[in-house]
PDB file of N, CA and C in Angstrom:
ATOM      1  N   MET A   1      -7.711   0.722  -5.171  1.00  0.00           N
ATOM      2  CA  MET A   1      -7.157  -0.585  -5.385  1.00  0.00           C
ATOM      3  C   MET A   1      -7.635  -1.488  -4.456  1.00  0.00           C
ATOM      4  N   HIS A   2      -7.903  -2.702  -4.857  1.00  0.00           N
ATOM      5  CA  HIS A   2      -8.428  -3.695  -3.864  1.00  0.00           C
ATOM      6  C   HIS A   2      -7.346  -4.830  -3.800  1.00  0.00           C
ATOM      7  N   LEU A   3      -6.872  -5.190  -2.675  1.00  0.00           N
ATOM      8  CA  LEU A   3      -5.746  -6.008  -2.340  1.00  0.00           C
ATOM      9  C   LEU A   3      -6.396  -7.177  -1.848  1.00  0.00           C
ATOM     10  N   ASN A   4      -5.938  -8.410  -2.334  1.00  0.00           N
ATOM     11  CA  ASN A   4      -6.525  -9.650  -1.901  1.00  0.00           C
ATOM     12  C   ASN A   4      -5.404 -10.266  -0.811  1.00  0.00           C
ATOM     13  N   LEU A   5      -5.573  -9.607   0.301  1.00  0.00           N
ATOM     14  CA  LEU A   5      -4.651 -10.107   1.394  1.00  0.00           C
ATOM     15  C   LEU A   5      -5.500 -10.662   2.665  1.00  0.00           C
ATOM     16  N   PRO A   6      -5.270 -11.772   3.218  1.00  0.00           N
ATOM     17  CA  PRO A   6      -5.947 -12.223   4.333  1.00  0.00           C
ATOM     18  C   PRO A   6      -5.716 -11.384   5.500  1.00  0.00           C
ATOM     19  N   GLU A   7      -6.612 -11.426   6.543  1.00  0.00           N
ATOM     20  CA  GLU A   7      -6.391 -10.486   7.656  1.00  0.00           C
ATOM     21  C   GLU A   7      -5.351 -11.333   8.567  1.00  0.00           C
ATOM     22  N   LYS A   8      -4.212 -10.675   8.625  1.00  0.00           N
ATOM     23  CA  LYS A   8      -3.149 -11.398   9.468  1.00  0.00           C
ATOM     24  C   LYS A   8      -2.290 -10.171  10.266  1.00  0.00           C
ATOM     25  N   LEU A   9      -1.570 -10.523  11.263  1.00  0.00           N
ATOM     26  CA  LEU A   9      -0.793  -9.515  11.920  1.00  0.00           C
ATOM     27  C   LEU A   9       0.457  -9.090  11.227  1.00  0.00           C
ATOM     28  N   TYR A  10       1.109 -10.174  10.455  1.00  0.00           N
ATOM     29  CA  TYR A  10       2.233  -9.834   9.711  1.00  0.00           C
ATOM     30  C   TYR A  10       2.159 -10.528   8.264  1.00  0.00           C
ATOM     31  N   TYR A  11       2.793  -9.746   7.304  1.00  0.00           N
ATOM     32  CA  TYR A  11       2.708 -10.273   6.047  1.00  0.00           C
ATOM     33  C   TYR A  11       4.296 -10.420   5.475  1.00  0.00           C
ATOM     34  N   SER A  12       4.541 -11.349   4.840  1.00  0.00           N
ATOM     35  CA  SER A  12       5.914 -11.507   4.106  1.00  0.00           C
ATOM     36  C   SER A  12       5.968 -10.537   2.913  1.00  0.00           C
ATOM     37  N   ILE A  13       7.165 -10.284   2.571  1.00  0.00           N
ATOM     38  CA  ILE A  13       7.328  -9.359   1.478  1.00  0.00           C
ATOM     39  C   ILE A  13       6.908 -10.177   0.197  1.00  0.00           C
ATOM     40  N   GLY A  14       6.879 -11.342   0.137  1.00  0.00           N
ATOM     41  CA  GLY A  14       6.424 -12.010  -1.070  1.00  0.00           C
ATOM     42  C   GLY A  14       4.944 -11.891  -1.246  1.00  0.00           C
ATOM     43  N   GLU A  15       4.113 -12.074   0.016  1.00  0.00           N
ATOM     44  CA  GLU A  15       2.802 -11.767  -0.039  1.00  0.00           C
ATOM     45  C   GLU A  15       2.430 -10.420  -0.421  1.00  0.00           C
ATOM     46  N   VAL A  16       3.147  -9.341   0.074  1.00  0.00           N
ATOM     47  CA  VAL A  16       2.858  -7.982  -0.109  1.00  0.00           C
ATOM     48  C   VAL A  16       3.101  -7.665  -1.635  1.00  0.00           C
ATOM     49  N   ALA A  17       4.372  -8.221  -2.180  1.00  0.00           N
ATOM     50  CA  ALA A  17       4.599  -7.962  -3.639  1.00  0.00           C
ATOM     51  C   ALA A  17       3.458  -8.545  -4.540  1.00  0.00           C
ATOM     52  N   LYS A  18       3.045  -9.711  -4.257  1.00  0.00           N
ATOM     53  CA  LYS A  18       2.090 -10.439  -4.942  1.00  0.00           C
ATOM     54  C   LYS A  18       0.806  -9.679  -4.884  1.00  0.00           C
ATOM     55  N   ALA A  19       0.421  -9.103  -3.751  1.00  0.00           N
ATOM     56  CA  ALA A  19      -0.852  -8.471  -3.695  1.00  0.00           C
ATOM     57  C   ALA A  19      -0.843  -7.152  -4.466  1.00  0.00           C
ATOM     58  N   PHE A  20       0.301  -6.490  -4.490  1.00  0.00           N
ATOM     59  CA  PHE A  20       0.374  -5.209  -5.241  1.00  0.00           C
ATOM     60  C   PHE A  20       0.679  -5.405  -6.780  1.00  0.00           C
ATOM     61  N   ASN A  21       1.077  -6.688  -6.986  1.00  0.00           N
ATOM     62  CA  ASN A  21       1.452  -7.064  -8.446  1.00  0.00           C
ATOM     63  C   ASN A  21       2.818  -6.401  -8.949  1.00  0.00           C
ATOM     64  N   VAL A  22       3.697  -6.377  -7.945  1.00  0.00           N
ATOM     65  CA  VAL A  22       5.096  -5.739  -8.220  1.00  0.00           C
ATOM     66  C   VAL A  22       6.123  -6.720  -7.897  1.00  0.00           C
ATOM     67  N   ASN A  23       7.351  -6.370  -8.188  1.00  0.00           N
ATOM     68  CA  ASN A  23       8.507  -7.271  -7.732  1.00  0.00           C
ATOM     69  C   ASN A  23       8.778  -6.911  -6.242  1.00  0.00           C
ATOM     70  N   THR A  24       9.482  -7.764  -5.474  1.00  0.00           N
ATOM     71  CA  THR A  24       9.835  -7.606  -4.109  1.00  0.00           C
ATOM     72  C   THR A  24      10.943  -6.454  -4.160  1.00  0.00           C
ATOM     73  N   SER A  25      11.719  -6.405  -5.164  1.00  0.00           N
ATOM     74  CA  SER A  25      12.822  -5.459  -5.130  1.00  0.00           C
ATOM     75  C   SER A  25      12.194  -4.128  -5.246  1.00  0.00           C
ATOM     76  N   LEU A  26      11.082  -3.871  -5.665  1.00  0.00           N
ATOM     77  CA  LEU A  26      10.404  -2.530  -5.714  1.00  0.00           C
ATOM     78  C   LEU A  26       9.980  -2.227  -4.300  1.00  0.00           C
ATOM     79  N   ILE A  27       9.388  -3.204  -3.610  1.00  0.00           N
ATOM     80  CA  ILE A  27       9.008  -3.018  -2.232  1.00  0.00           C
ATOM     81  C   ILE A  27      10.210  -2.697  -1.308  1.00  0.00           C
ATOM     82  N   ARG A  28      11.269  -3.484  -1.536  1.00  0.00           N
ATOM     83  CA  ARG A  28      12.546  -3.089  -0.716  1.00  0.00           C
ATOM     84  C   ARG A  28      13.088  -1.746  -1.043  1.00  0.00           C
ATOM     85  N   PHE A  29      12.971  -1.277  -2.369  1.00  0.00           N
ATOM     86  CA  PHE A  29      13.473   0.045  -2.682  1.00  0.00           C
ATOM     87  C   PHE A  29      12.600   1.073  -2.134  1.00  0.00           C
ATOM     88  N   TRP A  30      11.254   0.915  -2.161  1.00  0.00           N
ATOM     89  CA  TRP A  30      10.371   1.895  -1.511  1.00  0.00           C
ATOM     90  C   TRP A  30      10.677   1.949  -0.135  1.00  0.00           C
ATOM     91  N   GLU A  31      11.028   0.880   0.644  1.00  0.00           N
ATOM     92  CA  GLU A  31      11.353   1.012   1.996  1.00  0.00           C
ATOM     93  C   GLU A  31      12.589   1.715   2.203  1.00  0.00           C
ATOM     94  N   LYS A  32      13.530   1.800   1.399  1.00  0.00           N
ATOM     95  CA  LYS A  32      14.800   2.687   1.574  1.00  0.00           C
ATOM     96  C   LYS A  32      14.336   4.169   1.295  1.00  0.00           C
ATOM     97  N   GLU A  33      13.555   4.456   0.316  1.00  0.00           N
ATOM     98  CA  GLU A  33      13.193   5.743  -0.051  1.00  0.00           C
ATOM     99  C   GLU A  33      12.323   6.392   0.837  1.00  0.00           C
ATOM    100  N   PHE A  34      11.340   5.746   1.249  1.00  0.00           N
ATOM    101  CA  PHE A  34      10.351   6.407   2.148  1.00  0.00           C
ATOM    102  C   PHE A  34      10.493   6.129   3.675  1.00  0.00           C
ATOM    103  N   THR A  35      10.654   7.270   4.400  1.00  0.00           N
ATOM    104  CA  THR A  35      10.915   6.864   5.717  1.00  0.00           C
ATOM    105  C   THR A  35       9.683   6.453   6.595  1.00  0.00           C
ATOM    106  N   GLN A  36       8.493   6.533   5.985  1.00  0.00           N
ATOM    107  CA  GLN A  36       7.262   6.272   6.661  1.00  0.00           C
ATOM    108  C   GLN A  36       7.134   4.720   6.645  1.00  0.00           C
ATOM    109  N   LEU A  37       7.798   4.014   5.859  1.00  0.00           N
ATOM    110  CA  LEU A  37       7.715   2.636   5.705  1.00  0.00           C
ATOM    111  C   LEU A  37       8.795   1.908   6.474  1.00  0.00           C
ATOM    112  N   LYS A  38       8.447   1.294   7.513  1.00  0.00           N
ATOM    113  CA  LYS A  38       9.306   0.532   8.478  1.00  0.00           C
ATOM    114  C   LYS A  38       8.924  -0.770   8.787  1.00  0.00           C
ATOM    115  N   PRO A  39       8.947  -1.748   7.986  1.00  0.00           N
ATOM    116  CA  PRO A  39       8.516  -3.112   8.342  1.00  0.00           C
ATOM    117  C   PRO A  39       9.471  -3.720   9.462  1.00  0.00           C
ATOM    118  N   LYS A  40       8.884  -4.593  10.359  1.00  0.00           N
ATOM    119  CA  LYS A  40       9.808  -5.255  11.206  1.00  0.00           C
ATOM    120  C   LYS A  40      10.613  -6.236  10.500  1.00  0.00           C
ATOM    121  N   LYS A  41      11.690  -6.645  11.222  1.00  0.00           N
ATOM    122  CA  LYS A  41      12.596  -7.619  10.532  1.00  0.00           C
ATOM    123  C   LYS A  41      12.874  -8.638  11.684  1.00  0.00           C
ATOM    124  N   ASN A  42      12.842  -9.888  11.382  1.00  0.00           N
ATOM    125  CA  ASN A  42      13.101 -11.088  12.314  1.00  0.00           C
ATOM    126  C   ASN A  42      14.542 -11.182  12.412  1.00  0.00           C
ATOM    127  N   ALA A  43      14.980 -12.230  13.311  1.00  0.00           N
ATOM    128  CA  ALA A  43      16.483 -12.398  13.265  1.00  0.00           C
ATOM    129  C   ALA A  43      17.121 -12.723  12.129  1.00  0.00           C
ATOM    130  N   LYS A  44      16.441 -13.271  11.230  1.00  0.00           N
ATOM    131  CA  LYS A  44      17.121 -13.617   9.904  1.00  0.00           C
ATOM    132  C   LYS A  44      17.274 -12.423   8.865  1.00  0.00           C
ATOM    133  N   GLY A  45      16.349 -11.355   9.284  1.00  0.00           N
ATOM    134  CA  GLY A  45      16.292 -10.196   8.471  1.00  0.00           C
ATOM    135  C   GLY A  45      15.224 -10.210   7.543  1.00  0.00           C
ATOM    136  N   ASN A  46      14.305 -11.184   7.710  1.00  0.00           N
ATOM    137  CA  ASN A  46      13.182 -11.172   6.778  1.00  0.00           C
ATOM    138  C   ASN A  46      12.191 -10.132   7.229  1.00  0.00           C
ATOM    139  N   ARG A  47      11.617  -9.381   6.234  1.00  0.00           N
ATOM    140  CA  ARG A  47      10.723  -8.265   6.553  1.00  0.00           C
ATOM    141  C   ARG A  47       9.316  -8.857   6.862  1.00  0.00           C
ATOM    142  N   LYS A  48       8.630  -8.204   7.744  1.00  0.00           N
ATOM    143  CA  LYS A  48       7.261  -8.588   8.199  1.00  0.00           C
ATOM    144  C   LYS A  48       6.530  -7.309   8.278  1.00  0.00           C
ATOM    145  N   PHE A  49       5.697  -7.123   7.238  1.00  0.00           N
ATOM    146  CA  PHE A  49       4.836  -5.903   7.157  1.00  0.00           C
ATOM    147  C   PHE A  49       3.589  -6.010   7.932  1.00  0.00           C
ATOM    148  N   THR A  50       3.219  -5.013   8.843  1.00  0.00           N
ATOM    149  CA  THR A  50       1.999  -4.904   9.539  1.00  0.00           C
ATOM    150  C   THR A  50       0.871  -4.424   8.583  1.00  0.00           C
ATOM    151  N   PRO A  51      -0.309  -4.446   9.075  1.00  0.00           N
ATOM    152  CA  PRO A  51      -1.398  -3.752   8.304  1.00  0.00           C
ATOM    153  C   PRO A  51      -1.261  -2.248   8.227  1.00  0.00           C
ATOM    154  N   GLN A  52      -0.543  -1.568   9.155  1.00  0.00           N
ATOM    155  CA  GLN A  52      -0.142  -0.251   8.930  1.00  0.00           C
ATOM    156  C   GLN A  52       0.876  -0.062   7.939  1.00  0.00           C
ATOM    157  N   ASP A  53       1.691  -0.915   7.660  1.00  0.00           N
ATOM    158  CA  ASP A  53       2.818  -0.803   6.527  1.00  0.00           C
ATOM    159  C   ASP A  53       2.010  -0.911   5.314  1.00  0.00           C
ATOM    160  N   ILE A  54       1.093  -1.926   5.319  1.00  0.00           N
ATOM    161  CA  ILE A  54       0.258  -2.145   4.095  1.00  0.00           C
ATOM    162  C   ILE A  54      -0.465  -0.805   3.526  1.00  0.00           C
ATOM    163  N   SER A  55      -0.989  -0.187   4.609  1.00  0.00           N
ATOM    164  CA  SER A  55      -1.819   1.005   4.247  1.00  0.00           C
ATOM    165  C   SER A  55      -0.839   2.143   3.769  1.00  0.00           C
ATOM    166  N   THR A  56       0.249   2.269   4.462  1.00  0.00           N
ATOM    167  CA  THR A  56       1.342   3.134   3.847  1.00  0.00           C
ATOM    168  C   THR A  56       1.750   2.820   2.466  1.00  0.00           C
ATOM    169  N   LEU A  57       1.925   1.465   2.104  1.00  0.00           N
ATOM    170  CA  LEU A  57       2.397   1.071   0.886  1.00  0.00           C
ATOM    171  C   LEU A  57       1.224   1.315  -0.139  1.00  0.00           C
ATOM    172  N   LYS A  58       0.033   1.228   0.331  1.00  0.00           N
ATOM    173  CA  LYS A  58      -1.060   1.549  -0.614  1.00  0.00           C
ATOM    174  C   LYS A  58      -1.072   2.947  -1.047  1.00  0.00           C
ATOM    175  N   LEU A  59      -0.784   3.861  -0.089  1.00  0.00           N
ATOM    176  CA  LEU A  59      -0.687   5.303  -0.367  1.00  0.00           C
ATOM    177  C   LEU A  59       0.451   5.696  -1.302  1.00  0.00           C
ATOM    178  N   ILE A  60       1.604   4.964  -1.008  1.00  0.00           N
ATOM    179  CA  ILE A  60       2.877   5.164  -2.030  1.00  0.00           C
ATOM    180  C   ILE A  60       2.449   4.668  -3.335  1.00  0.00           C
ATOM    181  N   TYR A  61       1.924   3.434  -3.392  1.00  0.00           N
ATOM    182  CA  TYR A  61       1.605   2.958  -4.640  1.00  0.00           C
ATOM    183  C   TYR A  61       0.516   3.812  -5.517  1.00  0.00           C
ATOM    184  N   HIS A  62      -0.380   4.324  -4.678  1.00  0.00           N
ATOM    185  CA  HIS A  62      -1.348   5.232  -5.269  1.00  0.00           C
ATOM    186  C   HIS A  62      -0.745   6.510  -5.781  1.00  0.00           C
ATOM    187  N   LEU A  63       0.150   7.030  -5.118  1.00  0.00           N
ATOM    188  CA  LEU A  63       0.974   8.235  -5.586  1.00  0.00           C
ATOM    189  C   LEU A  63       1.662   7.944  -6.616  1.00  0.00           C
ATOM    190  N   VAL A  64       2.479   7.020  -6.643  1.00  0.00           N
ATOM    191  CA  VAL A  64       3.652   6.793  -7.637  1.00  0.00           C
ATOM    192  C   VAL A  64       3.109   6.065  -8.933  1.00  0.00           C
ATOM    193  N   LYS A  65       2.325   4.966  -8.661  1.00  0.00           N
ATOM    194  CA  LYS A  65       1.803   4.265  -9.854  1.00  0.00           C
ATOM    195  C   LYS A  65       0.625   4.736 -10.511  1.00  0.00           C
ATOM    196  N   GLU A  66      -0.361   5.175  -9.652  1.00  0.00           N
ATOM    197  CA  GLU A  66      -1.677   5.514 -10.177  1.00  0.00           C
ATOM    198  C   GLU A  66      -1.708   7.090 -10.628  1.00  0.00           C
ATOM    199  N   ARG A  67      -1.198   7.911  -9.754  1.00  0.00           N
ATOM    200  CA  ARG A  67      -1.319   9.198  -9.987  1.00  0.00           C
ATOM    201  C   ARG A  67      -0.058   9.777 -10.806  1.00  0.00           C
ATOM    202  N   GLY A  68       0.949   9.046 -10.989  1.00  0.00           N
ATOM    203  CA  GLY A  68       2.155   9.348 -11.729  1.00  0.00           C
ATOM    204  C   GLY A  68       3.074  10.442 -10.989  1.00  0.00           C
ATOM    205  N   PHE A  69       3.221  10.383  -9.667  1.00  0.00           N
ATOM    206  CA  PHE A  69       4.133  11.172  -9.027  1.00  0.00           C
ATOM    207  C   PHE A  69       5.539  10.730  -9.149  1.00  0.00           C
ATOM    208  N   THR A  70       6.630  11.532  -9.188  1.00  0.00           N
ATOM    209  CA  THR A  70       7.819  10.954  -9.094  1.00  0.00           C
ATOM    210  C   THR A  70       8.150  10.625  -7.637  1.00  0.00           C
ATOM    211  N   LEU A  71       9.339   9.950  -7.415  1.00  0.00           N
ATOM    212  CA  LEU A  71       9.549   9.589  -6.137  1.00  0.00           C
ATOM    213  C   LEU A  71       9.755  10.755  -4.978  1.00  0.00           C
ATOM    214  N   GLU A  72      10.448  11.747  -5.656  1.00  0.00           N
ATOM    215  CA  GLU A  72      10.678  12.983  -4.865  1.00  0.00           C
ATOM    216  C   GLU A  72       9.394  13.659  -4.672  1.00  0.00           C
ATOM    217  N   GLY A  73       8.459  13.742  -5.595  1.00  0.00           N
ATOM    218  CA  GLY A  73       7.261  14.415  -5.534  1.00  0.00           C
ATOM    219  C   GLY A  73       6.197  13.813  -4.517  1.00  0.00           C
ATOM    220  N   ALA A  74       6.276  12.276  -4.503  1.00  0.00           N
ATOM    221  CA  ALA A  74       5.509  11.557  -3.538  1.00  0.00           C
ATOM    222  C   ALA A  74       6.176  11.751  -2.188  1.00  0.00           C
ATOM    223  N   LYS A  75       7.344  11.855  -1.979  1.00  0.00           N
ATOM    224  CA  LYS A  75       7.941  12.043  -0.793  1.00  0.00           C
ATOM    225  C   LYS A  75       7.656  13.503  -0.206  1.00  0.00           C
ATOM    226  N   THR A  76       7.712  14.479  -0.965  1.00  0.00           N
ATOM    227  CA  THR A  76       7.281  15.780  -0.543  1.00  0.00           C
ATOM    228  C   THR A  76       5.875  15.888  -0.288  1.00  0.00           C
ATOM    229  N   HIS A  77       5.035  15.258  -1.037  1.00  0.00           N
ATOM    230  CA  HIS A  77       3.536  15.262  -0.906  1.00  0.00           C
ATOM    231  C   HIS A  77       3.323  14.483   0.432  1.00  0.00           C
ATOM    232  N   LEU A  78       3.787  13.536   0.846  1.00  0.00           N
ATOM    233  CA  LEU A  78       3.611  12.747   2.020  1.00  0.00           C
ATOM    234  C   LEU A  78       4.059  13.588   3.231  1.00  0.00           C
ATOM    235  N   LYS A  79       5.166  14.328   3.158  1.00  0.00           N
ATOM    236  CA  LYS A  79       5.756  15.075   4.310  1.00  0.00           C
ATOM    237  C   LYS A  79       4.855  16.325   4.485  1.00  0.00           C
ATOM    238  N   GLU A  80       4.490  17.007   3.443  1.00  0.00           N
ATOM    239  CA  GLU A  80       3.849  18.213   3.611  1.00  0.00           C
ATOM    240  C   GLU A  80       2.369  18.183   4.082  1.00  0.00           C
ATOM    241  N   SER A  81       1.674  17.212   3.322  1.00  0.00           N
ATOM    242  CA  SER A  81       0.228  17.156   3.535  1.00  0.00           C
ATOM    243  C   SER A  81      -0.177  15.723   3.881  1.00  0.00           C
ATOM    244  N   LYS A  82       0.561  15.037   4.714  1.00  0.00           N
ATOM    245  CA  LYS A  82       0.246  13.698   5.117  1.00  0.00           C
ATOM    246  C   LYS A  82      -1.128  13.475   5.654  1.00  0.00           C
ATOM    247  N   LYS A  83      -1.555  14.278   6.553  1.00  0.00           N
ATOM    248  CA  LYS A  83      -2.981  14.043   7.186  1.00  0.00           C
ATOM    249  C   LYS A  83      -4.034  14.119   6.137  1.00  0.00           C
ATOM    250  N   GLN A  84      -3.981  15.252   5.238  1.00  0.00           N
ATOM    251  CA  GLN A  84      -4.969  15.472   4.280  1.00  0.00           C
ATOM    252  C   GLN A  84      -4.846  14.365   3.201  1.00  0.00           C
ATOM    253  N   THR A  85      -3.727  13.902   2.832  1.00  0.00           N
ATOM    254  CA  THR A  85      -3.497  12.988   1.765  1.00  0.00           C
ATOM    255  C   THR A  85      -4.095  11.676   2.184  1.00  0.00           C
ATOM    256  N   LEU A  86      -3.778  11.271   3.498  1.00  0.00           N
ATOM    257  CA  LEU A  86      -4.175  10.025   4.031  1.00  0.00           C
ATOM    258  C   LEU A  86      -5.598  10.009   4.241  1.00  0.00           C
ATOM    259  N   GLN A  87      -6.430  11.148   4.524  1.00  0.00           N
ATOM    260  CA  GLN A  87      -7.688  11.181   4.704  1.00  0.00           C
ATOM    261  C   GLN A  87      -8.439  10.968   3.268  1.00  0.00           C
ATOM    262  N   ASN A  88      -7.851  11.660   2.352  1.00  0.00           N
ATOM    263  CA  ASN A  88      -8.496  11.530   0.955  1.00  0.00           C
ATOM    264  C   ASN A  88      -8.312  10.201   0.414  1.00  0.00           C
ATOM    265  N   PHE A  89      -7.164   9.618   0.724  1.00  0.00           N
ATOM    266  CA  PHE A  89      -6.805   8.255   0.272  1.00  0.00           C
ATOM    267  C   PHE A  89      -7.703   7.239   0.914  1.00  0.00           C
ATOM    268  N   GLU A  90      -7.918   7.313   2.143  1.00  0.00           N
ATOM    269  CA  GLU A  90      -8.836   6.399   2.873  1.00  0.00           C
ATOM    270  C   GLU A  90     -10.346   6.488   2.335  1.00  0.00           C
ATOM    271  N   ILE A  91     -10.794   7.702   2.106  1.00  0.00           N
ATOM    272  CA  ILE A  91     -12.166   7.761   1.353  1.00  0.00           C
ATOM    273  C   ILE A  91     -12.146   7.190   0.034  1.00  0.00           C
ATOM    274  N   ILE A  92     -11.169   7.481  -0.702  1.00  0.00           N
ATOM    275  CA  ILE A  92     -11.123   6.836  -2.081  1.00  0.00           C
ATOM    276  C   ILE A  92     -11.039   5.361  -2.038  1.00  0.00           C
ATOM    277  N   SER A  93     -10.176   4.781  -1.053  1.00  0.00           N
ATOM    278  CA  SER A  93     -10.064   3.415  -0.812  1.00  0.00           C
ATOM    279  C   SER A  93     -11.446   2.731  -0.414  1.00  0.00           C
ATOM    280  N   LYS A  94     -12.065   3.407   0.397  1.00  0.00           N
ATOM    281  CA  LYS A  94     -13.417   2.804   0.989  1.00  0.00           C
ATOM    282  C   LYS A  94     -14.440   2.753  -0.134  1.00  0.00           C
ATOM    283  N   LEU A  95     -14.387   3.775  -0.980  1.00  0.00           N
ATOM    284  CA  LEU A  95     -15.275   3.982  -2.013  1.00  0.00           C
ATOM    285  C   LEU A  95     -14.919   2.872  -3.220  1.00  0.00           C
ATOM    286  N   ASN A  96     -13.697   2.632  -3.425  1.00  0.00           N
ATOM    287  CA  ASN A  96     -13.399   1.687  -4.394  1.00  0.00           C
ATOM    288  C   ASN A  96     -13.736   0.183  -3.815  1.00  0.00           C
ATOM    289  N   ASN A  97     -13.521  -0.075  -2.520  1.00  0.00           N
ATOM    290  CA  ASN A  97     -13.977  -1.264  -1.955  1.00  0.00           C
ATOM    291  C   ASN A  97     -15.588  -1.501  -2.121  1.00  0.00           C
ATOM    292  N   ILE A  98     -16.268  -0.543  -1.953  1.00  0.00           N
ATOM    293  CA  ILE A  98     -17.810  -0.506  -2.110  1.00  0.00           C
ATOM    294  C   ILE A  98     -18.051  -0.833  -3.631  1.00  0.00           C
ATOM    295  N   LYS A  99     -17.225  -0.135  -4.539  1.00  0.00           N
ATOM    296  CA  LYS A  99     -17.482  -0.422  -5.854  1.00  0.00           C
ATOM    297  C   LYS A  99     -17.132  -1.877  -6.261  1.00  0.00           C
ATOM    298  N   HIS A 100     -16.169  -2.443  -5.757  1.00  0.00           N
ATOM    299  CA  HIS A 100     -15.686  -3.764  -5.940  1.00  0.00           C
ATOM    300  C   HIS A 100     -16.727  -4.703  -5.407  1.00  0.00           C
ATOM    301  N   GLN A 101     -17.233  -4.377  -4.210  1.00  0.00           N
ATOM    302  CA  GLN A 101     -18.313  -5.267  -3.769  1.00  0.00           C
ATOM    303  C   GLN A 101     -19.709  -5.294  -4.519  1.00  0.00           C
ATOM    304  N   LEU A 102     -20.133  -4.059  -4.887  1.00  0.00           N
ATOM    305  CA  LEU A 102     -21.190  -3.964  -5.822  1.00  0.00           C
ATOM    306  C   LEU A 102     -21.068  -4.598  -7.123  1.00  0.00           C
ATOM    307  N   ILE A 103     -19.936  -4.609  -7.758  1.00  0.00           N
ATOM    308  CA  ILE A 103     -19.732  -5.196  -9.052  1.00  0.00           C
ATOM    309  C   ILE A 103     -19.784  -6.752  -8.673  1.00  0.00           C
ATOM    310  N   THR A 104     -19.169  -7.208  -7.605  1.00  0.00           N
ATOM    311  CA  THR A 104     -19.273  -8.638  -7.418  1.00  0.00           C
ATOM    312  C   THR A 104     -20.676  -9.094  -7.202  1.00  0.00           C
ATOM    313  N   LEU A 105     -21.417  -8.269  -6.318  1.00  0.00           N
ATOM    314  CA  LEU A 105     -23.001  -8.645  -6.234  1.00  0.00           C
ATOM    315  C   LEU A 105     -23.667  -8.638  -7.663  1.00  0.00           C
ATOM    316  N   LYS A 106     -23.403  -7.678  -8.511  1.00  0.00           N
ATOM    317  CA  LYS A 106     -24.017  -7.596  -9.865  1.00  0.00           C
ATOM    318  C   LYS A 106     -23.703  -8.829 -10.574  1.00  0.00           C
ATOM    319  N   ASN A 107     -22.381  -9.298 -10.561  1.00  0.00           N
ATOM    320  CA  ASN A 107     -22.003 -10.453 -11.319  1.00  0.00           C
ATOM    321  C   ASN A 107     -22.729 -11.771 -10.759  1.00  0.00           C
ATOM    322  N   ASN A 108     -22.870 -11.830  -9.570  1.00  0.00           N
ATOM    323  CA  ASN A 108     -23.376 -12.911  -8.939  1.00  0.00           C
ATOM    324  C   ASN A 108     -25.003 -13.045  -9.157  1.00  0.00           C
ATOM    325  N   LEU A 109     -25.686 -11.886  -9.681  1.00  0.00           N
ATOM    326  CA  LEU A 109     -27.092 -11.934  -9.819  1.00  0.00           C
ATOM    327  C   LEU A 109     -27.439 -12.704 -11.136  1.00  0.00           C
TER     328      LEU A 109
END
């Protein structure tokens, strides 16, 4: 999955939801369900997502939306084999980014 997010220290929930093409309510729901996802909140209570939070969200999105895991299955998978899952996901993500760049190059030729 290729996200179209600028490089920033913090992202608003609206930016994150738009990048993942989901509702903000789903992001808030995942925040409650997955203990690994902990965005910072300012004095008003607005969520600010760090790049680490974005990578965790990518992994959750991949497990739930792309691979079809249930929420309980995704939680269990993350807890039991987080290191292996994260490594595999990072490799897949890098390969998808390379694929996206190659397709862009091909279209520009």
